[in-house]
């Protein structure tokens, strides 16, 4: 699958794929990788899809269908339920790194 220009920019400037792949995953029984979930939430937010239900819909039949694939709202919630990795925050939200 060819990458979108925005994804290339993220990798070039922020080393996005390597940083996402290096994040720890504290879940015990994961059906989807943390990388896949983080990308779904990130790209869903970038596309301004709003609530998790909308991101789930876009992953199943919309704009993120080919890029992410099927991911349920419950899976996204399970991943983010108190498991936001600390190394993710400073580069995702620059104001937290100061």
PDB file of N, CA and C in Angstrom:
ATOM      1  N   UNK A   1       0.852  -1.160   0.000  1.00  0.00           N
ATOM      2  CA  UNK A   1       0.000   0.000   0.000  1.00  0.00           C
ATOM      3  C   UNK A   1       0.905   1.233   0.000  1.00  0.00           C
ATOM      4  N   UNK A   2       0.605   2.171  -0.855  1.00  0.00           N
ATOM      5  CA  UNK A   2       1.395   3.395  -0.900  1.00  0.00           C
ATOM      6  C   UNK A   2       1.040   4.285   0.292  1.00  0.00           C
ATOM      7  N   UNK A   3       2.018   5.007   0.753  1.00  0.00           N
ATOM      8  CA  UNK A   3       1.814   5.879   1.905  1.00  0.00           C
ATOM      9  C   UNK A   3       1.375   7.258   1.460  1.00  0.00           C
ATOM     10  N   UNK A   4       0.558   7.853   2.264  1.00  0.00           N
ATOM     11  CA  UNK A   4       0.091   9.206   2.017  1.00  0.00           C
ATOM     12  C   UNK A   4       1.242  10.175   2.285  1.00  0.00           C
ATOM     13  N   UNK A   5       1.225  11.308   1.640  1.00  0.00           N
ATOM     14  CA  UNK A   5       2.269  12.312   1.798  1.00  0.00           C
ATOM     15  C   UNK A   5       2.395  12.754   3.263  1.00  0.00           C
ATOM     16  N   UNK A   6       1.288  12.837   3.961  1.00  0.00           N
ATOM     17  CA  UNK A   6       1.298  13.237   5.364  1.00  0.00           C
ATOM     18  C   UNK A   6       2.060  12.226   6.221  1.00  0.00           C
ATOM     19  N   UNK A   7       1.883  10.926   5.940  1.00  0.00           N
ATOM     20  CA  UNK A   7       2.601   9.894   6.692  1.00  0.00           C
ATOM     21  C   UNK A   7       4.104   9.992   6.449  1.00  0.00           C
ATOM     22  N   UNK A   8       4.483  10.276   5.223  1.00  0.00           N
ATOM     23  CA  UNK A   8       5.902  10.451   4.911  1.00  0.00           C
ATOM     24  C   UNK A   8       6.471  11.645   5.665  1.00  0.00           C
ATOM     25  N   UNK A   9       5.699  12.715   5.738  1.00  0.00           N
ATOM     26  CA  UNK A   9       6.115  13.906   6.482  1.00  0.00           C
ATOM     27  C   UNK A   9       6.309  13.571   7.958  1.00  0.00           C
ATOM     28  N   UNK A  10       5.365  12.834   8.546  1.00  0.00           N
ATOM     29  CA  UNK A  10       5.477  12.468   9.959  1.00  0.00           C
ATOM     30  C   UNK A  10       6.738  11.658  10.225  1.00  0.00           C
ATOM     31  N   UNK A  11       7.043  10.728   9.331  1.00  0.00           N
ATOM     32  CA  UNK A  11       8.248   9.925   9.496  1.00  0.00           C
ATOM     33  C   UNK A  11       9.512  10.759   9.330  1.00  0.00           C
ATOM     34  N   UNK A  12       9.501  11.634   8.371  1.00  0.00           N
ATOM     35  CA  UNK A  12      10.667  12.463   8.091  1.00  0.00           C
ATOM     36  C   UNK A  12      10.952  13.432   9.243  1.00  0.00           C
ATOM     37  N   UNK A  13       9.945  14.063   9.776  1.00  0.00           N
ATOM     38  CA  UNK A  13      10.127  15.087  10.799  1.00  0.00           C
ATOM     39  C   UNK A  13      10.154  14.501  12.216  1.00  0.00           C
ATOM     40  N   UNK A  14       9.271  13.549  12.516  1.00  0.00           N
ATOM     41  CA  UNK A  14       9.122  13.046  13.881  1.00  0.00           C
ATOM     42  C   UNK A  14       9.556  11.594  14.065  1.00  0.00           C
ATOM     43  N   UNK A  15       9.946  10.901  12.992  1.00  0.00           N
ATOM     44  CA  UNK A  15      10.269   9.473  13.057  1.00  0.00           C
ATOM     45  C   UNK A  15       9.075   8.711  13.644  1.00  0.00           C
ATOM     46  N   UNK A  16       7.900   9.030  13.113  1.00  0.00           N
ATOM     47  CA  UNK A  16       6.616   8.583  13.649  1.00  0.00           C
ATOM     48  C   UNK A  16       6.505   7.064  13.763  1.00  0.00           C
ATOM     49  N   UNK A  17       6.758   6.337  12.703  1.00  0.00           N
ATOM     50  CA  UNK A  17       6.582   4.880  12.720  1.00  0.00           C
ATOM     51  C   UNK A  17       7.484   4.212  13.748  1.00  0.00           C
ATOM     52  N   UNK A  18       8.726   4.650  13.839  1.00  0.00           N
ATOM     53  CA  UNK A  18       9.659   4.061  14.801  1.00  0.00           C
ATOM     54  C   UNK A  18       9.230   4.360  16.232  1.00  0.00           C
ATOM     55  N   UNK A  19       8.757   5.576  16.478  1.00  0.00           N
ATOM     56  CA  UNK A  19       8.317   5.937  17.830  1.00  0.00           C
ATOM     57  C   UNK A  19       7.064   5.165  18.238  1.00  0.00           C
ATOM     58  N   UNK A  20       6.136   5.036  17.334  1.00  0.00           N
ATOM     59  CA  UNK A  20       4.910   4.286  17.637  1.00  0.00           C
ATOM     60  C   UNK A  20       5.244   2.810  17.873  1.00  0.00           C
ATOM     61  N   UNK A  21       6.109   2.236  17.050  1.00  0.00           N
ATOM     62  CA  UNK A  21       6.477   0.827  17.191  1.00  0.00           C
ATOM     63  C   UNK A  21       7.226   0.561  18.502  1.00  0.00           C
ATOM     64  N   UNK A  22       7.931   1.552  19.016  1.00  0.00           N
ATOM     65  CA  UNK A  22       8.733   1.373  20.235  1.00  0.00           C
ATOM     66  C   UNK A  22       7.926   1.535  21.523  1.00  0.00           C
ATOM     67  N   UNK A  23       6.685   1.957  21.424  1.00  0.00           N
ATOM     68  CA  UNK A  23       5.884   2.164  22.631  1.00  0.00           C
ATOM     69  C   UNK A  23       5.564   0.848  23.319  1.00  0.00           C
ATOM     70  N   UNK A  24       5.604   0.836  24.644  1.00  0.00           N
ATOM     71  CA  UNK A  24       5.266  -0.389  25.379  1.00  0.00           C
ATOM     72  C   UNK A  24       3.762  -0.655  25.330  1.00  0.00           C
ATOM     73  N   UNK A  25       3.412  -1.919  25.435  1.00  0.00           N
ATOM     74  CA  UNK A  25       2.001  -2.310  25.446  1.00  0.00           C
ATOM     75  C   UNK A  25       1.755  -3.118  26.706  1.00  0.00           C
ATOM     76  N   UNK A  26       0.989  -2.574  27.637  1.00  0.00           N
ATOM     77  CA  UNK A  26       0.755  -3.226  28.919  1.00  0.00           C
ATOM     78  C   UNK A  26      -0.438  -4.166  28.938  1.00  0.00           C
ATOM     79  N   UNK A  27      -1.058  -4.401  27.802  1.00  0.00           N
ATOM     80  CA  UNK A  27      -2.243  -5.271  27.785  1.00  0.00           C
ATOM     81  C   UNK A  27      -1.825  -6.739  27.847  1.00  0.00           C
ATOM     82  N   UNK A  28      -2.683  -7.563  28.433  1.00  0.00           N
ATOM     83  CA  UNK A  28      -2.379  -8.988  28.564  1.00  0.00           C
ATOM     84  C   UNK A  28      -2.877  -9.798  27.369  1.00  0.00           C
ATOM     85  N   UNK A  29      -4.074  -9.525  26.916  1.00  0.00           N
ATOM     86  CA  UNK A  29      -4.687 -10.321  25.854  1.00  0.00           C
ATOM     87  C   UNK A  29      -5.100  -9.419  24.696  1.00  0.00           C
ATOM     88  N   UNK A  30      -4.149  -9.025  23.892  1.00  0.00           N
ATOM     89  CA  UNK A  30      -4.405  -8.064  22.822  1.00  0.00           C
ATOM     90  C   UNK A  30      -4.644  -8.779  21.494  1.00  0.00           C
ATOM     91  N   UNK A  31      -5.745  -8.436  20.827  1.00  0.00           N
ATOM     92  CA  UNK A  31      -6.022  -8.964  19.492  1.00  0.00           C
ATOM     93  C   UNK A  31      -5.424  -8.083  18.409  1.00  0.00           C
ATOM     94  N   UNK A  32      -5.194  -6.816  18.736  1.00  0.00           N
ATOM     95  CA  UNK A  32      -4.624  -5.854  17.799  1.00  0.00           C
ATOM     96  C   UNK A  32      -3.421  -5.206  18.463  1.00  0.00           C
ATOM     97  N   UNK A  33      -2.420  -4.884  17.669  1.00  0.00           N
ATOM     98  CA  UNK A  33      -1.222  -4.263  18.228  1.00  0.00           C
ATOM     99  C   UNK A  33      -1.529  -2.853  18.727  1.00  0.00           C
ATOM    100  N   UNK A  34      -0.775  -2.428  19.714  1.00  0.00           N
ATOM    101  CA  UNK A  34      -0.925  -1.067  20.233  1.00  0.00           C
ATOM    102  C   UNK A  34      -0.636  -0.063  19.128  1.00  0.00           C
ATOM    103  N   UNK A  35       0.306  -0.388  18.249  1.00  0.00           N
ATOM    104  CA  UNK A  35       0.656   0.482  17.121  1.00  0.00           C
ATOM    105  C   UNK A  35      -0.572   0.742  16.253  1.00  0.00           C
ATOM    106  N   UNK A  36      -1.315  -0.314  15.955  1.00  0.00           N
ATOM    107  CA  UNK A  36      -2.506  -0.193  15.113  1.00  0.00           C
ATOM    108  C   UNK A  36      -3.561   0.700  15.775  1.00  0.00           C
ATOM    109  N   UNK A  37      -3.758   0.520  17.079  1.00  0.00           N
ATOM    110  CA  UNK A  37      -4.752   1.313  17.806  1.00  0.00           C
ATOM    111  C   UNK A  37      -4.318   2.772  17.880  1.00  0.00           C
ATOM    112  N   UNK A  38      -3.067   3.012  18.198  1.00  0.00           N
ATOM    113  CA  UNK A  38      -2.564   4.386  18.284  1.00  0.00           C
ATOM    114  C   UNK A  38      -2.673   5.092  16.939  1.00  0.00           C
ATOM    115  N   UNK A  39      -2.371   4.379  15.857  1.00  0.00           N
ATOM    116  CA  UNK A  39      -2.517   4.973  14.525  1.00  0.00           C
ATOM    117  C   UNK A  39      -3.970   5.284  14.222  1.00  0.00           C
ATOM    118  N   UNK A  40      -4.881   4.391  14.604  1.00  0.00           N
ATOM    119  CA  UNK A  40      -6.309   4.636  14.360  1.00  0.00           C
ATOM    120  C   UNK A  40      -6.773   5.898  15.077  1.00  0.00           C
ATOM    121  N   UNK A  41      -6.391   6.036  16.347  1.00  0.00           N
ATOM    122  CA  UNK A  41      -6.801   7.209  17.119  1.00  0.00           C
ATOM    123  C   UNK A  41      -6.118   8.461  16.579  1.00  0.00           C
ATOM    124  N   UNK A  42      -4.822   8.359  16.273  1.00  0.00           N
ATOM    125  CA  UNK A  42      -4.093   9.523  15.773  1.00  0.00           C
ATOM    126  C   UNK A  42      -4.662  10.004  14.438  1.00  0.00           C
ATOM    127  N   UNK A  43      -4.764   9.091  13.467  1.00  0.00           N
ATOM    128  CA  UNK A  43      -5.261   9.500  12.150  1.00  0.00           C
ATOM    129  C   UNK A  43      -6.740   9.870  12.194  1.00  0.00           C
ATOM    130  N   UNK A  44      -7.515   9.223  13.070  1.00  0.00           N
ATOM    131  CA  UNK A  44      -8.907   9.618  13.255  1.00  0.00           C
ATOM    132  C   UNK A  44      -9.020  11.025  13.799  1.00  0.00           C
ATOM    133  N   UNK A  45      -8.127  11.366  14.714  1.00  0.00           N
ATOM    134  CA  UNK A  45      -8.123  12.723  15.266  1.00  0.00           C
ATOM    135  C   UNK A  45      -7.661  13.741  14.241  1.00  0.00           C
ATOM    136  N   UNK A  46      -6.645  13.382  13.480  1.00  0.00           N
ATOM    137  CA  UNK A  46      -6.149  14.283  12.433  1.00  0.00           C
ATOM    138  C   UNK A  46      -7.246  14.566  11.412  1.00  0.00           C
ATOM    139  N   UNK A  47      -8.036  13.555  11.113  1.00  0.00           N
ATOM    140  CA  UNK A  47      -9.144  13.722  10.165  1.00  0.00           C
ATOM    141  C   UNK A  47     -10.372  14.344  10.830  1.00  0.00           C
ATOM    142  N   UNK A  48     -10.260  14.667  12.100  1.00  0.00           N
ATOM    143  CA  UNK A  48     -11.322  15.299  12.881  1.00  0.00           C
ATOM    144  C   UNK A  48     -12.595  14.453  12.920  1.00  0.00           C
ATOM    145  N   UNK A  49     -12.426  13.137  13.170  1.00  0.00           N
ATOM    146  CA  UNK A  49     -13.573  12.242  13.248  1.00  0.00           C
ATOM    147  C   UNK A  49     -14.277  12.301  14.589  1.00  0.00           C
ATOM    148  N   UNK A  50     -13.641  12.899  15.590  1.00  0.00           N
ATOM    149  CA  UNK A  50     -14.311  13.103  16.876  1.00  0.00           C
ATOM    150  C   UNK A  50     -14.396  11.868  17.735  1.00  0.00           C
ATOM    151  N   UNK A  51     -15.605  11.408  18.069  1.00  0.00           N
ATOM    152  CA  UNK A  51     -15.761  10.322  19.044  1.00  0.00           C
ATOM    153  C   UNK A  51     -15.221   8.985  18.533  1.00  0.00           C
ATOM    154  N   UNK A  52     -14.927   8.096  19.478  1.00  0.00           N
ATOM    155  CA  UNK A  52     -14.390   6.780  19.125  1.00  0.00           C
ATOM    156  C   UNK A  52     -15.342   5.991  18.237  1.00  0.00           C
ATOM    157  N   UNK A  53     -16.627   6.193  18.434  1.00  0.00           N
ATOM    158  CA  UNK A  53     -17.605   5.490  17.591  1.00  0.00           C
ATOM    159  C   UNK A  53     -17.402   5.849  16.113  1.00  0.00           C
ATOM    160  N   UNK A  54     -17.126   7.105  15.846  1.00  0.00           N
ATOM    161  CA  UNK A  54     -16.889   7.543  14.466  1.00  0.00           C
ATOM    162  C   UNK A  54     -15.585   6.962  13.931  1.00  0.00           C
ATOM    163  N   UNK A  55     -14.547   6.899  14.768  1.00  0.00           N
ATOM    164  CA  UNK A  55     -13.277   6.299  14.340  1.00  0.00           C
ATOM    165  C   UNK A  55     -13.491   4.823  14.024  1.00  0.00           C
ATOM    166  N   UNK A  56     -14.269   4.122  14.865  1.00  0.00           N
ATOM    167  CA  UNK A  56     -14.585   2.714  14.614  1.00  0.00           C
ATOM    168  C   UNK A  56     -15.286   2.563  13.261  1.00  0.00           C
ATOM    169  N   UNK A  57     -16.264   3.411  12.982  1.00  0.00           N
ATOM    170  CA  UNK A  57     -16.999   3.357  11.715  1.00  0.00           C
ATOM    171  C   UNK A  57     -16.066   3.602  10.533  1.00  0.00           C
ATOM    172  N   UNK A  58     -15.182   4.581  10.661  1.00  0.00           N
ATOM    173  CA  UNK A  58     -14.246   4.887   9.570  1.00  0.00           C
ATOM    174  C   UNK A  58     -13.253   3.751   9.355  1.00  0.00           C
ATOM    175  N   UNK A  59     -12.877   3.042  10.419  1.00  0.00           N
ATOM    176  CA  UNK A  59     -11.971   1.896  10.283  1.00  0.00           C
ATOM    177  C   UNK A  59     -12.664   0.712   9.613  1.00  0.00           C
ATOM    178  N   UNK A  60     -13.969   0.598   9.804  1.00  0.00           N
ATOM    179  CA  UNK A  60     -14.710  -0.521   9.215  1.00  0.00           C
ATOM    180  C   UNK A  60     -15.120  -0.284   7.761  1.00  0.00           C
ATOM    181  N   UNK A  61     -15.563   0.949   7.461  1.00  0.00           N
ATOM    182  CA  UNK A  61     -16.125   1.156   6.126  1.00  0.00           C
ATOM    183  C   UNK A  61     -15.807   2.514   5.529  1.00  0.00           C
ATOM    184  N   UNK A  62     -14.955   3.280   6.168  1.00  0.00           N
ATOM    185  CA  UNK A  62     -14.710   4.642   5.688  1.00  0.00           C
ATOM    186  C   UNK A  62     -13.273   4.903   5.289  1.00  0.00           C
ATOM    187  N   UNK A  63     -12.823   6.087   5.622  1.00  0.00           N
ATOM    188  CA  UNK A  63     -11.529   6.583   5.174  1.00  0.00           C
ATOM    189  C   UNK A  63     -10.343   5.780   5.711  1.00  0.00           C
ATOM    190  N   UNK A  64     -10.462   5.173   6.876  1.00  0.00           N
ATOM    191  CA  UNK A  64      -9.359   4.419   7.466  1.00  0.00           C
ATOM    192  C   UNK A  64      -9.450   2.920   7.197  1.00  0.00           C
ATOM    193  N   UNK A  65     -10.403   2.516   6.381  1.00  0.00           N
ATOM    194  CA  UNK A  65     -10.653   1.100   6.100  1.00  0.00           C
ATOM    195  C   UNK A  65      -9.408   0.381   5.580  1.00  0.00           C
ATOM    196  N   UNK A  66      -8.717   0.972   4.614  1.00  0.00           N
ATOM    197  CA  UNK A  66      -7.550   0.314   4.017  1.00  0.00           C
ATOM    198  C   UNK A  66      -6.292   0.556   4.833  1.00  0.00           C
ATOM    199  N   UNK A  67      -6.203   1.686   5.499  1.00  0.00           N
ATOM    200  CA  UNK A  67      -4.992   2.041   6.239  1.00  0.00           C
ATOM    201  C   UNK A  67      -4.902   1.303   7.568  1.00  0.00           C
ATOM    202  N   UNK A  68      -6.008   1.182   8.290  1.00  0.00           N
ATOM    203  CA  UNK A  68      -6.011   0.591   9.624  1.00  0.00           C
ATOM    204  C   UNK A  68      -6.701  -0.766   9.640  1.00  0.00           C
ATOM    205  N   UNK A  69      -7.876  -0.871   9.067  1.00  0.00           N
ATOM    206  CA  UNK A  69      -8.655  -2.106   9.109  1.00  0.00           C
ATOM    207  C   UNK A  69      -9.665  -2.065  10.245  1.00  0.00           C
ATOM    208  N   UNK A  70     -10.369  -3.158  10.437  1.00  0.00           N
ATOM    209  CA  UNK A  70     -11.442  -3.213  11.431  1.00  0.00           C
ATOM    210  C   UNK A  70     -10.887  -3.157  12.844  1.00  0.00           C
ATOM    211  N   UNK A  71     -11.352  -2.170  13.593  1.00  0.00           N
ATOM    212  CA  UNK A  71     -11.004  -2.012  15.006  1.00  0.00           C
ATOM    213  C   UNK A  71     -12.266  -1.548  15.718  1.00  0.00           C
ATOM    214  N   UNK A  72     -12.609  -2.219  16.807  1.00  0.00           N
ATOM    215  CA  UNK A  72     -13.830  -1.839  17.513  1.00  0.00           C
ATOM    216  C   UNK A  72     -13.566  -0.730  18.533  1.00  0.00           C
ATOM    217  N   UNK A  73     -14.632  -0.057  18.874  1.00  0.00           N
ATOM    218  CA  UNK A  73     -14.584   0.992  19.893  1.00  0.00           C
ATOM    219  C   UNK A  73     -14.123   0.410  21.234  1.00  0.00           C
ATOM    220  N   UNK A  74     -14.549  -0.809  21.541  1.00  0.00           N
ATOM    221  CA  UNK A  74     -14.149  -1.471  22.789  1.00  0.00           C
ATOM    222  C   UNK A  74     -12.642  -1.735  22.806  1.00  0.00           C
ATOM    223  N   UNK A  75     -12.098  -2.147  21.676  1.00  0.00           N
ATOM    224  CA  UNK A  75     -10.661  -2.400  21.581  1.00  0.00           C
ATOM    225  C   UNK A  75      -9.873  -1.121  21.799  1.00  0.00           C
ATOM    226  N   UNK A  76     -10.335  -0.040  21.195  1.00  0.00           N
ATOM    227  CA  UNK A  76      -9.668   1.253  21.373  1.00  0.00           C
ATOM    228  C   UNK A  76      -9.732   1.665  22.847  1.00  0.00           C
ATOM    229  N   UNK A  77     -10.895   1.518  23.459  1.00  0.00           N
ATOM    230  CA  UNK A  77     -11.044   1.867  24.864  1.00  0.00           C
ATOM    231  C   UNK A  77     -10.173   1.017  25.770  1.00  0.00           C
ATOM    232  N   UNK A  78     -10.080  -0.285  25.476  1.00  0.00           N
ATOM    233  CA  UNK A  78      -9.248  -1.205  26.262  1.00  0.00           C
ATOM    234  C   UNK A  78      -7.788  -0.789  26.188  1.00  0.00           C
ATOM    235  N   UNK A  79      -7.342  -0.379  25.016  1.00  0.00           N
ATOM    236  CA  UNK A  79      -5.952   0.027  24.826  1.00  0.00           C
ATOM    237  C   UNK A  79      -5.646   1.309  25.582  1.00  0.00           C
ATOM    238  N   UNK A  80      -6.560   2.260  25.535  1.00  0.00           N
ATOM    239  CA  UNK A  80      -6.318   3.576  26.127  1.00  0.00           C
ATOM    240  C   UNK A  80      -6.739   3.672  27.594  1.00  0.00           C
ATOM    241  N   UNK A  81      -7.345   2.637  28.139  1.00  0.00           N
ATOM    242  CA  UNK A  81      -7.844   2.672  29.509  1.00  0.00           C
ATOM    243  C   UNK A  81      -6.683   2.702  30.511  1.00  0.00           C
ATOM    244  N   UNK A  82      -6.181   3.902  30.754  1.00  0.00           N
ATOM    245  CA  UNK A  82      -5.089   4.059  31.706  1.00  0.00           C
ATOM    246  C   UNK A  82      -3.750   3.562  31.215  1.00  0.00           C
ATOM    247  N   UNK A  83      -3.641   3.282  29.922  1.00  0.00           N
ATOM    248  CA  UNK A  83      -2.412   2.718  29.386  1.00  0.00           C
ATOM    249  C   UNK A  83      -1.694   3.679  28.438  1.00  0.00           C
ATOM    250  N   UNK A  84      -1.929   4.979  28.571  1.00  0.00           N
ATOM    251  CA  UNK A  84      -1.243   5.927  27.688  1.00  0.00           C
ATOM    252  C   UNK A  84       0.214   5.951  28.101  1.00  0.00           C
ATOM    253  N   UNK A  85       1.095   5.471  27.250  1.00  0.00           N
ATOM    254  CA  UNK A  85       2.498   5.378  27.623  1.00  0.00           C
ATOM    255  C   UNK A  85       3.131   6.753  27.811  1.00  0.00           C
ATOM    256  N   UNK A  86       3.889   6.903  28.883  1.00  0.00           N
ATOM    257  CA  UNK A  86       4.538   8.173  29.187  1.00  0.00           C
ATOM    258  C   UNK A  86       5.463   8.638  28.062  1.00  0.00           C
ATOM    259  N   UNK A  87       6.257   7.760  27.404  1.00  0.00           N
ATOM    260  CA  UNK A  87       7.137   8.257  26.344  1.00  0.00           C
ATOM    261  C   UNK A  87       6.379   8.868  25.165  1.00  0.00           C
ATOM    262  N   UNK A  88       5.105   8.543  25.008  1.00  0.00           N
ATOM    263  CA  UNK A  88       4.309   9.053  23.898  1.00  0.00           C
ATOM    264  C   UNK A  88       3.945  10.521  24.091  1.00  0.00           C
ATOM    265  N   UNK A  89       3.729  10.914  25.326  1.00  0.00           N
ATOM    266  CA  UNK A  89       3.183  12.242  25.601  1.00  0.00           C
ATOM    267  C   UNK A  89       4.079  13.423  25.210  1.00  0.00           C
ATOM    268  N   UNK A  90       5.373  13.471  25.556  1.00  0.00           N
ATOM    269  CA  UNK A  90       6.158  14.664  25.259  1.00  0.00           C
ATOM    270  C   UNK A  90       6.269  15.008  23.782  1.00  0.00           C
ATOM    271  N   UNK A  91       6.379  14.029  22.897  1.00  0.00           N
ATOM    272  CA  UNK A  91       6.505  14.388  21.481  1.00  0.00           C
ATOM    273  C   UNK A  91       5.163  14.519  20.809  1.00  0.00           C
ATOM    274  N   UNK A  92       4.119  13.908  21.382  1.00  0.00           N
ATOM    275  CA  UNK A  92       2.786  14.065  20.797  1.00  0.00           C
ATOM    276  C   UNK A  92       2.148  15.383  21.242  1.00  0.00           C
ATOM    277  N   UNK A  93       2.453  15.778  22.464  1.00  0.00           N
ATOM    278  CA  UNK A  93       1.919  17.033  23.010  1.00  0.00           C
ATOM    279  C   UNK A  93       3.131  17.833  23.501  1.00  0.00           C
ATOM    280  N   UNK A  94       3.756  18.632  22.610  1.00  0.00           N
ATOM    281  CA  UNK A  94       5.007  19.316  22.946  1.00  0.00           C
ATOM    282  C   UNK A  94       4.953  20.140  24.220  1.00  0.00           C
ATOM    283  N   UNK A  95       3.818  20.695  24.577  1.00  0.00           N
ATOM    284  CA  UNK A  95       3.736  21.523  25.783  1.00  0.00           C
ATOM    285  C   UNK A  95       3.982  20.709  27.056  1.00  0.00           C
ATOM    286  N   UNK A  96       3.802  19.382  26.999  1.00  0.00           N
ATOM    287  CA  UNK A  96       4.049  18.542  28.167  1.00  0.00           C
ATOM    288  C   UNK A  96       5.527  18.284  28.380  1.00  0.00           C
ATOM    289  N   UNK A  97       6.320  18.429  27.334  1.00  0.00           N
ATOM    290  CA  UNK A  97       7.759  18.170  27.441  1.00  0.00           C
ATOM    291  C   UNK A  97       8.509  19.295  28.102  1.00  0.00           C
ATOM    292  N   UNK A  98       7.915  20.458  28.293  1.00  0.00           N
ATOM    293  CA  UNK A  98       8.601  21.603  28.887  1.00  0.00           C
ATOM    294  C   UNK A  98       8.516  21.588  30.383  1.00  0.00           C
TER     295      UNK A  98
END
